[in-house]
Amino acid sequence: MAKEKCPELLTAQFELMFLRSEVFRVTDAVTHYLNYWKKRVEIFGDEKAFEPLTLDKALLEDGTALQIGYLRLLVGVTDPKASWYVVHAALENKNSQKYGVIVIGDPSRASFLQFDQKLSKIMLPCMQGAIPVQLSAYHVCKPPAFAALVLPILKLFMSERVKKRVAFHTGSNTDVLKSLRKYDIDKSCIPVELGGDVCIDHLSWMEKRRFIHRFL
């Protein structure tokens, strides 16, 4: 279907992302590629799935979900389409393709009622076998008390490789920064909400992306 409806998207550079995500294991990359399109159709639908993943195309009707900024790029999405967009934006950087991405989560202000098991069930398989991204590490900072209840549920959807890459950091911002430094994550790479130096203006980032897409 993709070859028929959007052959212009199936560039060599696009396919290279899948090879990089599987460290050039060709058979695994092909399987990954097939899973990607199945999931993309499942999440975006038969029509939107074959449009470019830009704010004025496939994401045109998902502006509200993106503005929430649950998943933000470091330079509560209730819609998996928004998560797909942000991850694809990260993959525009070749180093992200080659070496993987590091996710820093801050659920300290979340409540148990906000935990969306259905969304987790959708997104974890996307990150583990559909979107061509290598999850190098997932750092959960200041996990709330209910994390002990949620984690066993999340682990049901995690691959063994991902389970080994999840790390928890508790205490004050100072404690979290000290703990992250053990993983060579410097203060200059951490959001100000956790005591770091990075101030993320998510809405401004979206506007810049929309402007760039307009003139591509």
Protein backbone atom coordinates (compact mmCIF):
# COMPACT_ATOMS: atom_id res chain seq x y z
CA MET A 1 0.00 0.00 0.00
CA ALA A 2 2.82 2.40 0.83
CA LYS A 3 4.48 1.73 -2.53
CA GLU A 4 1.23 2.56 -4.29
CA LYS A 5 0.11 5.55 -2.22
CA CYS A 6 3.32 7.28 -1.12
CA PRO A 7 6.32 6.02 -3.12
CA GLU A 8 7.97 9.43 -2.64
CA LEU A 9 8.31 8.69 1.10
CA LEU A 10 10.13 5.39 0.58
CA THR A 11 13.55 6.87 0.01
CA ALA A 12 16.86 5.13 0.57
CA GLN A 13 17.45 7.43 3.54
CA PHE A 14 14.14 6.38 5.07
CA GLU A 15 14.92 2.68 4.65
CA LEU A 16 18.40 3.24 6.06
CA MET A 17 16.84 4.13 9.42
CA PHE A 18 15.56 0.56 9.75
CA LEU A 19 18.95 -0.91 8.92
CA ARG A 20 20.58 1.33 11.52
CA SER A 21 17.98 0.47 14.15
CA GLU A 22 18.79 -3.22 13.68
CA VAL A 23 22.57 -2.66 13.40
CA PHE A 24 22.42 -3.70 9.71
CA ARG A 25 20.88 -7.11 10.34
CA VAL A 26 18.99 -7.18 7.05
CA THR A 27 16.35 -9.80 7.91
CA ASP A 28 15.51 -8.03 11.19
CA ALA A 29 15.39 -4.68 9.40
CA VAL A 30 12.89 -6.03 6.84
CA THR A 31 10.68 -7.40 9.63
CA HIS A 32 10.94 -4.06 11.42
CA TYR A 33 9.99 -2.23 8.21
CA LEU A 34 6.88 -4.38 7.73
CA ASN A 35 5.83 -3.91 11.37
CA TYR A 36 6.29 -0.17 10.98
CA TRP A 37 3.77 0.14 8.17
CA LYS A 38 1.28 -2.14 9.89
CA LYS A 39 1.43 0.00 13.03
CA ARG A 40 1.38 3.26 11.08
CA VAL A 41 -1.87 2.21 9.38
CA GLU A 42 -3.29 0.99 12.70
CA ILE A 43 -2.60 4.33 14.43
CA PHE A 44 -3.16 6.86 11.64
CA GLY A 45 -5.79 5.08 9.55
CA ASP A 46 -5.78 4.03 5.89
CA GLU A 47 -5.55 7.59 4.51
CA LYS A 48 -3.42 9.59 6.97
CA ALA A 49 -0.87 6.77 7.27
CA PHE A 50 0.45 7.48 3.79
CA GLU A 51 0.74 11.24 4.19
CA PRO A 52 3.99 12.90 5.34
CA LEU A 53 4.28 13.00 9.15
CA THR A 54 4.13 16.78 9.32
CA LEU A 55 1.96 19.19 11.30
CA ASP A 56 0.06 20.26 8.19
CA LYS A 57 -0.47 16.76 6.77
CA ALA A 58 -0.86 13.56 8.84
CA LEU A 59 -0.86 15.52 12.14
CA LEU A 60 -3.17 18.32 10.98
CA GLU A 61 -5.99 17.31 13.35
CA ASP A 62 -3.74 16.44 16.30
CA GLY A 63 -2.50 19.88 17.33
CA THR A 64 -4.08 19.73 20.79
CA ALA A 65 -2.43 16.43 21.67
CA LEU A 66 0.95 17.77 20.53
CA GLN A 67 0.58 20.99 22.52
CA ILE A 68 0.14 19.04 25.75
CA GLY A 69 3.82 18.15 25.38
CA TYR A 70 3.83 14.88 27.32
CA LEU A 71 6.60 13.72 25.00
CA ARG A 72 8.98 16.55 24.13
CA LEU A 73 12.22 16.71 22.24
CA LEU A 74 15.29 17.99 24.16
CA VAL A 75 17.14 20.54 21.84
CA GLY A 76 0.29 13.60 28.67
CA VAL A 77 0.20 12.96 24.93
CA THR A 78 -3.13 11.13 24.93
CA ASP A 79 -2.80 10.55 21.19
CA PRO A 80 -0.17 8.05 19.97
CA LYS A 81 0.04 9.98 16.68
CA ALA A 82 1.68 12.86 18.54
CA SER A 83 4.25 10.49 20.04
CA TRP A 84 5.02 9.10 16.57
CA TYR A 85 5.63 12.63 15.33
CA VAL A 86 8.05 13.57 18.13
CA VAL A 87 10.04 10.34 17.79
CA HIS A 88 10.29 10.81 14.02
CA ALA A 89 11.52 14.36 14.62
CA ALA A 90 14.27 12.93 16.84
CA LEU A 91 15.19 10.47 14.09
CA GLU A 92 15.92 13.32 11.68
CA ASN A 93 19.26 13.48 13.50
CA LYS A 94 21.55 10.80 12.05
CA ASN A 95 23.25 10.31 15.41
CA SER A 96 19.87 9.35 16.89
CA GLN A 97 19.56 6.70 14.20
CA LYS A 98 23.09 5.39 14.71
CA TYR A 99 23.37 5.47 18.48
CA GLY A 100 19.79 5.48 19.71
CA VAL A 101 17.83 7.87 21.92
CA ILE A 102 17.72 8.38 25.67
CA VAL A 103 14.33 9.07 27.25
CA ILE A 104 14.21 11.09 30.47
CA GLY A 105 10.83 10.84 32.16
CA ASP A 106 9.52 13.00 35.00
CA PRO A 107 6.24 11.53 36.30
CA SER A 108 6.57 13.27 39.68
CA ARG A 109 3.41 15.33 39.16
CA ALA A 110 1.36 12.48 37.72
CA SER A 111 -1.46 10.67 39.48
CA PHE A 112 -2.51 7.05 39.22
CA LEU A 113 -5.73 8.13 37.50
CA GLN A 114 -3.65 9.54 34.63
CA PHE A 115 -2.00 6.21 33.91
CA ASP A 116 -3.34 5.06 30.54
CA GLN A 117 -2.80 1.31 30.20
CA LYS A 118 -4.36 1.31 26.73
CA LEU A 119 -1.92 3.96 25.47
CA SER A 120 1.03 2.08 26.97
CA LYS A 121 -0.12 -1.09 25.26
CA ILE A 122 -0.13 0.78 21.93
CA MET A 123 3.09 2.79 22.27
CA LEU A 124 5.53 0.26 23.75
CA PRO A 125 5.26 -2.14 20.77
CA CYS A 126 5.69 0.88 18.48
CA MET A 127 8.95 1.80 20.19
CA GLN A 128 10.18 -1.80 20.28
CA GLY A 129 9.46 -3.12 16.82
CA ALA A 130 7.76 -0.59 14.56
CA ILE A 131 9.34 2.88 14.70
CA PRO A 132 13.02 2.48 13.66
CA VAL A 133 14.43 3.80 16.92
CA GLN A 134 16.93 2.26 19.31
CA LEU A 135 15.97 2.95 22.91
CA SER A 136 19.40 3.32 24.53
CA ALA A 137 18.03 4.04 27.99
CA TYR A 138 14.88 5.13 29.79
CA HIS A 139 15.55 7.19 32.92
CA VAL A 140 12.55 7.64 35.21
CA CYS A 141 13.14 10.58 37.54
CA LYS A 142 11.25 11.10 40.81
CA PRO A 143 8.85 8.18 40.33
CA PRO A 144 5.63 8.65 42.35
CA ALA A 145 4.51 6.13 44.95
CA PHE A 146 2.10 4.42 42.55
CA ALA A 147 5.00 3.53 40.21
CA ALA A 148 5.38 0.28 42.13
CA LEU A 149 1.87 -0.63 40.99
CA VAL A 150 2.27 0.56 37.39
CA LEU A 151 5.71 -0.90 36.61
CA PRO A 152 4.64 -4.57 36.63
CA ILE A 153 1.90 -3.69 34.12
CA LEU A 154 4.32 -1.83 31.86
CA LYS A 155 6.84 -4.67 32.00
CA LEU A 156 4.25 -6.94 30.40
CA PHE A 157 4.64 -4.92 27.20
CA MET A 158 8.43 -4.44 27.40
CA SER A 159 10.99 -6.55 25.59
CA GLU A 160 13.77 -8.04 27.71
CA ARG A 161 16.24 -5.60 26.15
CA VAL A 162 14.14 -2.57 27.16
CA LYS A 163 13.59 -3.87 30.70
CA LYS A 164 17.35 -3.89 31.22
CA ARG A 165 17.62 -0.26 30.09
CA VAL A 166 15.16 1.27 32.53
CA ALA A 167 16.72 3.16 35.45
CA PHE A 168 15.08 5.00 38.36
CA HIS A 169 16.35 8.16 40.03
CA THR A 170 14.77 9.28 43.32
CA GLY A 171 15.17 12.14 45.77
CA SER A 172 15.64 15.87 45.22
CA ASN A 173 16.77 17.50 41.98
CA THR A 174 20.31 17.44 43.34
CA ASP A 175 20.03 13.71 43.99
CA VAL A 176 18.60 13.09 40.52
CA LEU A 177 21.37 15.09 38.82
CA LYS A 178 24.02 13.20 40.77
CA SER A 179 22.43 9.87 39.86
CA LEU A 180 22.16 10.76 36.16
CA ARG A 181 25.83 11.76 36.06
CA LYS A 182 26.70 8.11 36.74
CA TYR A 183 25.27 7.44 33.27
CA ASP A 184 27.29 10.30 31.72
CA ILE A 185 24.19 12.50 31.44
CA ASP A 186 25.32 16.01 32.23
CA LYS A 187 23.27 18.88 33.63
CA SER A 188 23.50 20.58 30.24
CA CYS A 189 21.30 17.82 28.79
CA ILE A 190 18.61 17.85 31.49
CA PRO A 191 15.43 20.00 31.60
CA VAL A 192 15.20 22.84 34.13
CA GLU A 193 12.26 21.06 35.81
CA LEU A 194 14.78 18.50 37.07
CA GLY A 195 17.45 21.06 37.94
CA GLY A 196 19.19 21.00 34.57
CA ASP A 197 20.05 23.77 32.13
CA VAL A 198 17.70 22.97 29.23
CA CYS A 199 14.62 25.18 28.96
CA ILE A 200 12.15 23.49 26.61
CA ASP A 201 9.72 25.76 24.78
CA HIS A 202 7.53 23.07 23.25
CA LEU A 203 5.04 25.41 21.55
CA SER A 204 7.83 27.44 19.98
CA TRP A 205 9.43 24.20 18.73
CA MET A 206 6.12 23.22 17.11
CA GLU A 207 5.79 26.58 15.39
CA LYS A 208 9.32 26.34 13.98
CA ARG A 209 8.57 22.85 12.71
CA ARG A 210 5.36 24.04 11.07
CA PHE A 211 7.21 26.93 9.40
CA ILE A 212 9.94 24.60 8.07
CA HIS A 213 7.42 22.08 6.71
CA ARG A 214 5.61 24.85 4.90
CA PHE A 215 8.65 25.64 2.77
CA LEU A 216 10.04 22.16 2.17
